[in-house]
N, C-alpha and C. Protein backbone atom coordinates (compact mmCIF):
# COMPACT_ATOMS: atom_id res chain seq x y z
N MET A 1 28.30 -13.61 19.93
CA MET A 1 28.43 -12.29 20.51
C MET A 1 28.72 -11.24 19.44
N LYS A 2 29.49 -11.64 18.42
CA LYS A 2 29.81 -10.70 17.34
C LYS A 2 28.55 -10.32 16.57
N ILE A 3 27.64 -11.28 16.42
CA ILE A 3 26.40 -11.00 15.69
C ILE A 3 25.54 -10.01 16.45
N LEU A 4 25.51 -10.11 17.78
CA LEU A 4 24.73 -9.16 18.57
C LEU A 4 25.31 -7.75 18.48
N LYS A 5 26.62 -7.66 18.45
CA LYS A 5 27.26 -6.35 18.31
C LYS A 5 26.93 -5.74 16.95
N SER A 6 26.97 -6.56 15.91
CA SER A 6 26.65 -6.08 14.56
C SER A 6 25.20 -5.62 14.46
N VAL A 7 24.29 -6.40 15.06
CA VAL A 7 22.88 -6.02 15.06
C VAL A 7 22.68 -4.72 15.84
N GLY A 8 23.37 -4.57 16.95
CA GLY A 8 23.27 -3.34 17.74
C GLY A 8 23.77 -2.13 16.99
N VAL A 9 24.87 -2.28 16.26
CA VAL A 9 25.41 -1.17 15.48
C VAL A 9 24.45 -0.78 14.37
N LEU A 10 23.91 -1.76 13.66
CA LEU A 10 22.95 -1.47 12.59
C LEU A 10 21.66 -0.86 13.13
N THR A 11 21.21 -1.32 14.27
CA THR A 11 20.01 -0.76 14.88
C THR A 11 20.24 0.68 15.30
N ALA A 12 21.39 0.96 15.90
CA ALA A 12 21.71 2.34 16.30
C ALA A 12 21.79 3.25 15.08
N GLY A 13 22.35 2.76 13.99
CA GLY A 13 22.41 3.54 12.76
C GLY A 13 21.03 3.84 12.21
N ASN A 14 20.16 2.84 12.22
CA ASN A 14 18.79 3.05 11.74
C ASN A 14 18.03 4.04 12.61
N VAL A 15 18.18 3.92 13.92
CA VAL A 15 17.50 4.84 14.83
C VAL A 15 18.00 6.27 14.61
N ALA A 16 19.31 6.44 14.47
CA ALA A 16 19.86 7.77 14.23
C ALA A 16 19.37 8.34 12.91
N ALA A 17 19.34 7.52 11.88
CA ALA A 17 18.87 7.99 10.56
C ALA A 17 17.41 8.40 10.61
N GLN A 18 16.58 7.62 11.29
CA GLN A 18 15.16 7.97 11.39
C GLN A 18 14.95 9.22 12.25
N ALA A 19 15.77 9.39 13.28
CA ALA A 19 15.67 10.60 14.09
C ALA A 19 16.05 11.84 13.28
N ILE A 20 17.07 11.71 12.45
CA ILE A 20 17.47 12.83 11.59
C ILE A 20 16.35 13.17 10.63
N ASN A 21 15.70 12.15 10.04
CA ASN A 21 14.57 12.40 9.14
C ASN A 21 13.44 13.11 9.86
N LEU A 22 13.09 12.66 11.05
CA LEU A 22 11.99 13.25 11.80
C LEU A 22 12.29 14.71 12.15
N ILE A 23 13.46 14.96 12.69
CA ILE A 23 13.84 16.33 13.07
C ILE A 23 13.94 17.21 11.83
N GLY A 24 14.48 16.66 10.76
CA GLY A 24 14.59 17.44 9.51
C GLY A 24 13.25 17.85 8.95
N PHE A 25 12.29 16.93 8.94
CA PHE A 25 10.97 17.28 8.41
C PHE A 25 10.24 18.25 9.32
N MET A 26 10.45 18.13 10.63
CA MET A 26 9.84 19.10 11.54
C MET A 26 10.42 20.50 11.30
N TYR A 27 11.71 20.55 11.08
CA TYR A 27 12.37 21.84 10.82
C TYR A 27 11.93 22.41 9.47
N LEU A 28 11.91 21.58 8.45
CA LEU A 28 11.51 22.04 7.11
C LEU A 28 10.07 22.51 7.08
N SER A 29 9.20 21.85 7.83
CA SER A 29 7.79 22.27 7.83
C SER A 29 7.59 23.62 8.50
N ARG A 30 8.52 24.04 9.30
CA ARG A 30 8.42 25.35 9.95
C ARG A 30 8.90 26.49 9.05
N ILE A 31 9.87 26.21 8.19
CA ILE A 31 10.45 27.32 7.42
C ILE A 31 9.97 27.40 5.97
N TYR A 32 9.31 26.33 5.48
CA TYR A 32 8.84 26.34 4.10
C TYR A 32 7.31 26.21 4.06
N THR A 33 6.76 26.69 2.96
CA THR A 33 5.32 26.57 2.75
C THR A 33 4.98 25.15 2.29
N PRO A 34 3.71 24.76 2.38
CA PRO A 34 3.33 23.43 1.90
C PRO A 34 3.64 23.22 0.42
N ALA A 35 3.52 24.27 -0.40
CA ALA A 35 3.84 24.12 -1.82
C ALA A 35 5.32 23.83 -2.03
N GLU A 36 6.18 24.48 -1.26
CA GLU A 36 7.62 24.25 -1.39
C GLU A 36 8.00 22.86 -0.89
N ILE A 37 7.33 22.40 0.16
CA ILE A 37 7.58 21.05 0.65
C ILE A 37 7.10 20.02 -0.38
N GLY A 38 6.01 20.33 -1.08
CA GLY A 38 5.53 19.44 -2.14
C GLY A 38 6.53 19.31 -3.27
N VAL A 39 7.14 20.43 -3.67
CA VAL A 39 8.18 20.38 -4.71
C VAL A 39 9.37 19.56 -4.22
N TYR A 40 9.74 19.75 -2.96
CA TYR A 40 10.84 18.98 -2.38
C TYR A 40 10.51 17.48 -2.39
N ALA A 41 9.28 17.14 -2.03
CA ALA A 41 8.88 15.73 -2.00
C ALA A 41 8.92 15.12 -3.41
N VAL A 42 8.49 15.89 -4.40
CA VAL A 42 8.55 15.40 -5.78
C VAL A 42 10.00 15.19 -6.21
N LEU A 43 10.87 16.15 -5.87
CA LEU A 43 12.29 16.02 -6.23
C LEU A 43 12.92 14.78 -5.59
N ILE A 44 12.68 14.59 -4.31
CA ILE A 44 13.25 13.43 -3.62
C ILE A 44 12.65 12.13 -4.16
N GLY A 45 11.35 12.13 -4.43
CA GLY A 45 10.71 10.92 -4.95
C GLY A 45 11.26 10.51 -6.31
N ILE A 46 11.37 11.49 -7.21
CA ILE A 46 11.90 11.20 -8.54
C ILE A 46 13.36 10.77 -8.44
N SER A 47 14.14 11.49 -7.63
CA SER A 47 15.56 11.17 -7.51
C SER A 47 15.79 9.79 -6.91
N SER A 48 15.01 9.42 -5.91
CA SER A 48 15.22 8.11 -5.30
C SER A 48 14.83 6.98 -6.24
N ILE A 49 13.78 7.17 -7.02
CA ILE A 49 13.39 6.14 -7.99
C ILE A 49 14.46 6.00 -9.06
N ILE A 50 14.92 7.11 -9.60
CA ILE A 50 15.97 7.06 -10.62
C ILE A 50 17.26 6.49 -10.03
N GLY A 51 17.55 6.84 -8.75
CA GLY A 51 18.76 6.33 -8.11
C GLY A 51 18.78 4.83 -7.96
N VAL A 52 17.63 4.25 -7.65
CA VAL A 52 17.55 2.80 -7.52
C VAL A 52 17.68 2.14 -8.89
N VAL A 53 17.05 2.72 -9.88
CA VAL A 53 17.06 2.14 -11.22
C VAL A 53 18.38 2.39 -11.94
N SER A 54 19.08 3.47 -11.58
CA SER A 54 20.22 3.91 -12.38
C SER A 54 21.39 2.93 -12.40
N SER A 55 21.54 2.13 -11.37
CA SER A 55 22.64 1.16 -11.40
C SER A 55 22.18 -0.18 -11.95
N CYS A 56 20.93 -0.24 -12.38
CA CYS A 56 20.34 -1.47 -12.93
C CYS A 56 20.46 -2.63 -11.93
N ARG A 57 20.56 -2.28 -10.66
CA ARG A 57 20.69 -3.23 -9.55
C ARG A 57 21.92 -4.12 -9.68
N TYR A 58 22.95 -3.64 -10.41
CA TYR A 58 24.20 -4.38 -10.49
C TYR A 58 24.92 -4.43 -9.14
N GLU A 59 24.60 -3.48 -8.24
CA GLU A 59 25.27 -3.49 -6.93
C GLU A 59 24.94 -4.75 -6.14
N MET A 60 23.84 -5.41 -6.47
CA MET A 60 23.50 -6.66 -5.78
C MET A 60 24.47 -7.78 -6.13
N THR A 61 25.13 -7.65 -7.28
CA THR A 61 26.09 -8.68 -7.69
C THR A 61 27.41 -8.57 -6.93
N ILE A 62 27.60 -7.51 -6.16
CA ILE A 62 28.83 -7.36 -5.39
C ILE A 62 28.95 -8.46 -4.33
N LEU A 63 27.83 -8.92 -3.83
CA LEU A 63 27.84 -9.94 -2.78
C LEU A 63 28.11 -11.35 -3.30
N LEU A 64 27.92 -11.58 -4.60
CA LEU A 64 27.95 -12.94 -5.13
C LEU A 64 29.34 -13.55 -5.33
N PRO A 65 30.31 -12.85 -5.93
CA PRO A 65 31.57 -13.54 -6.25
C PRO A 65 32.37 -13.95 -5.02
N LYS A 66 33.10 -15.04 -5.18
CA LYS A 66 33.97 -15.49 -4.10
C LYS A 66 35.28 -14.72 -4.09
N SER A 67 35.77 -14.32 -5.24
CA SER A 67 37.04 -13.61 -5.30
C SER A 67 36.82 -12.10 -5.20
N GLU A 68 37.77 -11.45 -4.57
CA GLU A 68 37.70 -9.99 -4.41
C GLU A 68 37.81 -9.28 -5.76
N ARG A 69 38.59 -9.85 -6.66
CA ARG A 69 38.77 -9.23 -7.97
C ARG A 69 37.44 -9.14 -8.72
N ASN A 70 36.68 -10.21 -8.70
CA ASN A 70 35.39 -10.20 -9.38
C ASN A 70 34.39 -9.28 -8.68
N ALA A 71 34.49 -9.20 -7.36
CA ALA A 71 33.60 -8.29 -6.63
C ALA A 71 33.90 -6.84 -7.01
N TRP A 72 35.16 -6.49 -7.13
CA TRP A 72 35.50 -5.11 -7.51
C TRP A 72 35.18 -4.84 -8.97
N LEU A 73 35.20 -5.85 -9.81
CA LEU A 73 34.71 -5.67 -11.18
C LEU A 73 33.22 -5.35 -11.18
N ALA A 74 32.48 -6.00 -10.29
CA ALA A 74 31.04 -5.70 -10.17
C ALA A 74 30.83 -4.28 -9.66
N VAL A 75 31.68 -3.82 -8.74
CA VAL A 75 31.59 -2.44 -8.25
C VAL A 75 31.84 -1.46 -9.39
N LYS A 76 32.89 -1.72 -10.16
CA LYS A 76 33.22 -0.83 -11.28
C LYS A 76 32.10 -0.83 -12.32
N ALA A 77 31.54 -2.00 -12.59
CA ALA A 77 30.46 -2.07 -13.58
C ALA A 77 29.24 -1.29 -13.11
N SER A 78 28.87 -1.44 -11.85
CA SER A 78 27.69 -0.73 -11.36
C SER A 78 27.94 0.78 -11.31
N LEU A 79 29.17 1.20 -10.99
CA LEU A 79 29.47 2.63 -11.01
C LEU A 79 29.44 3.19 -12.43
N LEU A 80 29.97 2.45 -13.38
CA LEU A 80 29.95 2.91 -14.78
C LEU A 80 28.52 3.02 -15.30
N VAL A 81 27.70 2.04 -14.98
CA VAL A 81 26.30 2.09 -15.41
C VAL A 81 25.60 3.27 -14.76
N SER A 82 25.89 3.52 -13.48
CA SER A 82 25.27 4.65 -12.78
C SER A 82 25.64 5.99 -13.40
N VAL A 83 26.90 6.14 -13.75
CA VAL A 83 27.35 7.40 -14.38
C VAL A 83 26.72 7.54 -15.76
N PHE A 84 26.64 6.45 -16.49
CA PHE A 84 26.02 6.49 -17.82
C PHE A 84 24.55 6.89 -17.73
N ILE A 85 23.83 6.29 -16.80
CA ILE A 85 22.42 6.64 -16.60
C ILE A 85 22.29 8.07 -16.11
N PHE A 86 23.22 8.53 -15.27
CA PHE A 86 23.22 9.92 -14.82
C PHE A 86 23.30 10.87 -16.00
N LEU A 87 24.19 10.58 -16.93
CA LEU A 87 24.33 11.44 -18.11
C LEU A 87 23.07 11.43 -18.97
N ILE A 88 22.47 10.27 -19.11
CA ILE A 88 21.23 10.18 -19.90
C ILE A 88 20.10 10.95 -19.20
N VAL A 89 19.96 10.76 -17.90
CA VAL A 89 18.89 11.44 -17.16
C VAL A 89 19.10 12.95 -17.18
N ALA A 90 20.34 13.40 -16.96
CA ALA A 90 20.62 14.84 -16.94
C ALA A 90 20.30 15.47 -18.29
N SER A 91 20.74 14.83 -19.36
CA SER A 91 20.47 15.41 -20.68
C SER A 91 18.99 15.34 -21.03
N SER A 92 18.31 14.26 -20.65
CA SER A 92 16.87 14.14 -20.94
C SER A 92 16.07 15.18 -20.17
N LEU A 93 16.37 15.35 -18.88
CA LEU A 93 15.64 16.34 -18.09
C LEU A 93 15.96 17.76 -18.55
N PHE A 94 17.18 17.98 -18.99
CA PHE A 94 17.52 19.30 -19.52
C PHE A 94 16.69 19.60 -20.77
N LEU A 95 16.60 18.64 -21.66
CA LEU A 95 15.80 18.85 -22.87
C LEU A 95 14.32 19.00 -22.55
N LEU A 96 13.82 18.21 -21.59
CA LEU A 96 12.42 18.35 -21.19
C LEU A 96 12.15 19.71 -20.55
N SER A 97 13.12 20.23 -19.80
CA SER A 97 12.92 21.53 -19.16
C SER A 97 12.89 22.66 -20.19
N MET A 98 13.51 22.44 -21.34
CA MET A 98 13.46 23.44 -22.41
C MET A 98 12.10 23.43 -23.12
N VAL A 99 11.45 22.28 -23.16
CA VAL A 99 10.19 22.15 -23.89
C VAL A 99 8.98 22.42 -23.00
N PHE A 100 8.96 21.81 -21.80
CA PHE A 100 7.81 21.93 -20.91
C PHE A 100 8.14 22.90 -19.78
N SER A 101 7.10 23.34 -19.09
CA SER A 101 7.31 24.32 -18.03
C SER A 101 6.82 23.81 -16.67
N PHE A 102 7.03 22.54 -16.37
CA PHE A 102 6.72 22.04 -15.04
C PHE A 102 7.69 22.63 -14.04
N THR A 103 7.22 22.88 -12.83
CA THR A 103 8.07 23.50 -11.81
C THR A 103 9.28 22.63 -11.48
N TRP A 104 9.05 21.34 -11.32
CA TRP A 104 10.14 20.47 -10.89
C TRP A 104 11.17 20.24 -11.98
N LEU A 105 10.83 20.49 -13.25
CA LEU A 105 11.80 20.30 -14.32
C LEU A 105 12.90 21.37 -14.30
N SER A 106 12.65 22.49 -13.63
CA SER A 106 13.70 23.50 -13.54
C SER A 106 14.82 23.04 -12.61
N TYR A 107 14.57 21.99 -11.86
CA TYR A 107 15.59 21.43 -10.97
C TYR A 107 16.25 20.19 -11.59
N TRP A 108 16.41 20.17 -12.88
CA TRP A 108 16.89 18.98 -13.58
C TRP A 108 18.28 18.56 -13.11
N LEU A 109 19.16 19.52 -12.82
CA LEU A 109 20.51 19.17 -12.39
C LEU A 109 20.49 18.58 -10.98
N ILE A 110 19.65 19.14 -10.11
CA ILE A 110 19.56 18.62 -8.74
C ILE A 110 19.01 17.19 -8.75
N ILE A 111 17.99 16.95 -9.57
CA ILE A 111 17.43 15.60 -9.66
C ILE A 111 18.50 14.62 -10.14
N SER A 112 19.27 15.01 -11.14
CA SER A 112 20.29 14.12 -11.69
C SER A 112 21.39 13.83 -10.67
N ILE A 113 21.85 14.86 -9.98
CA ILE A 113 22.93 14.67 -9.01
C ILE A 113 22.44 13.86 -7.81
N LEU A 114 21.23 14.13 -7.35
CA LEU A 114 20.68 13.34 -6.24
C LEU A 114 20.51 11.88 -6.62
N SER A 115 20.07 11.62 -7.84
CA SER A 115 19.89 10.22 -8.25
C SER A 115 21.25 9.50 -8.33
N LEU A 116 22.27 10.20 -8.79
CA LEU A 116 23.61 9.60 -8.79
C LEU A 116 24.08 9.37 -7.36
N GLY A 117 23.79 10.31 -6.47
CA GLY A 117 24.16 10.14 -5.06
C GLY A 117 23.47 8.95 -4.43
N PHE A 118 22.17 8.78 -4.69
CA PHE A 118 21.44 7.62 -4.17
C PHE A 118 22.04 6.33 -4.69
N SER A 119 22.42 6.32 -5.96
CA SER A 119 22.99 5.12 -6.55
C SER A 119 24.35 4.78 -5.92
N VAL A 120 25.18 5.79 -5.73
CA VAL A 120 26.50 5.56 -5.13
C VAL A 120 26.35 5.10 -3.68
N ILE A 121 25.40 5.65 -2.95
CA ILE A 121 25.17 5.22 -1.57
C ILE A 121 24.71 3.76 -1.54
N ASN A 122 23.85 3.35 -2.47
CA ASN A 122 23.43 1.95 -2.53
C ASN A 122 24.61 1.03 -2.83
N ILE A 123 25.47 1.45 -3.75
CA ILE A 123 26.65 0.64 -4.08
C ILE A 123 27.56 0.52 -2.85
N ASN A 124 27.76 1.63 -2.14
CA ASN A 124 28.60 1.60 -0.94
C ASN A 124 28.01 0.71 0.14
N SER A 125 26.71 0.69 0.26
CA SER A 125 26.11 -0.16 1.29
C SER A 125 26.34 -1.64 0.97
N PHE A 126 26.32 -2.02 -0.29
CA PHE A 126 26.60 -3.42 -0.63
C PHE A 126 28.08 -3.76 -0.46
N ILE A 127 28.96 -2.79 -0.70
CA ILE A 127 30.39 -3.02 -0.44
C ILE A 127 30.60 -3.26 1.06
N CYS A 128 29.98 -2.42 1.89
CA CYS A 128 30.13 -2.58 3.34
C CYS A 128 29.52 -3.88 3.82
N THR A 129 28.44 -4.31 3.22
CA THR A 129 27.84 -5.58 3.60
C THR A 129 28.77 -6.73 3.24
N ARG A 130 29.40 -6.67 2.07
CA ARG A 130 30.32 -7.72 1.65
C ARG A 130 31.52 -7.80 2.59
N GLU A 131 32.05 -6.65 2.96
CA GLU A 131 33.24 -6.61 3.81
C GLU A 131 32.91 -6.71 5.30
N GLU A 132 31.63 -6.81 5.64
CA GLU A 132 31.14 -6.88 7.01
C GLU A 132 31.59 -5.67 7.83
N LEU A 133 31.50 -4.51 7.22
CA LEU A 133 31.83 -3.24 7.88
C LEU A 133 30.52 -2.58 8.33
N TYR A 134 29.95 -3.10 9.40
CA TYR A 134 28.63 -2.67 9.80
C TYR A 134 28.61 -1.27 10.39
N ARG A 135 29.71 -0.84 10.99
CA ARG A 135 29.77 0.52 11.50
C ARG A 135 29.69 1.52 10.34
N PHE A 136 30.42 1.25 9.27
CA PHE A 136 30.35 2.12 8.10
C PHE A 136 28.98 2.04 7.43
N LEU A 137 28.35 0.89 7.49
CA LEU A 137 27.00 0.75 6.95
C LEU A 137 26.02 1.64 7.73
N SER A 138 26.23 1.76 9.03
CA SER A 138 25.40 2.68 9.82
C SER A 138 25.65 4.12 9.40
N TYR A 139 26.90 4.47 9.14
CA TYR A 139 27.21 5.82 8.66
C TYR A 139 26.57 6.09 7.30
N ILE A 140 26.53 5.06 6.47
CA ILE A 140 25.89 5.21 5.16
C ILE A 140 24.39 5.45 5.33
N GLN A 141 23.77 4.74 6.26
CA GLN A 141 22.34 4.97 6.50
C GLN A 141 22.08 6.38 7.00
N ILE A 142 22.97 6.88 7.84
CA ILE A 142 22.81 8.25 8.33
C ILE A 142 23.02 9.25 7.20
N SER A 143 24.02 9.01 6.35
CA SER A 143 24.25 9.93 5.23
C SER A 143 23.10 9.89 4.24
N ARG A 144 22.47 8.74 4.08
CA ARG A 144 21.30 8.63 3.20
C ARG A 144 20.15 9.48 3.73
N SER A 145 20.02 9.54 5.05
CA SER A 145 18.94 10.36 5.62
C SER A 145 19.23 11.85 5.50
N LEU A 146 20.48 12.21 5.32
CA LEU A 146 20.83 13.63 5.16
C LEU A 146 20.62 14.13 3.76
N MET A 147 20.39 13.25 2.81
CA MET A 147 20.19 13.69 1.43
C MET A 147 18.83 14.28 1.21
């Protein structure tokens, strides 16, 4: 019975997150031009790719250790790597924005902050999975859709 409740909570979280995405895109398509939506799509695409790569997938190691101490060491390691990659990406995009004149490079700080946010959300989702906090995992899915 507990497993059905957990599945129901996760399903409700996914449905809510997808509904937020659908309503958000419908709203954005009404107030922005196609060119502005294209820039937004590029920003989100780049940020999500960097966000997944930025923790070097160390967040997956949170599930492996038997002891809580080792699991929290994995959390700290993945957060440190994420911040380090954030600093590298921010400085690299800043330097590229000084040299090249692509439209999306002027948003270098937004790309860097969003990628760090995606990385932290991924780390939090693995923490919630380890602790079996499925209600909070649903909240994380909803917050991911708001980014």
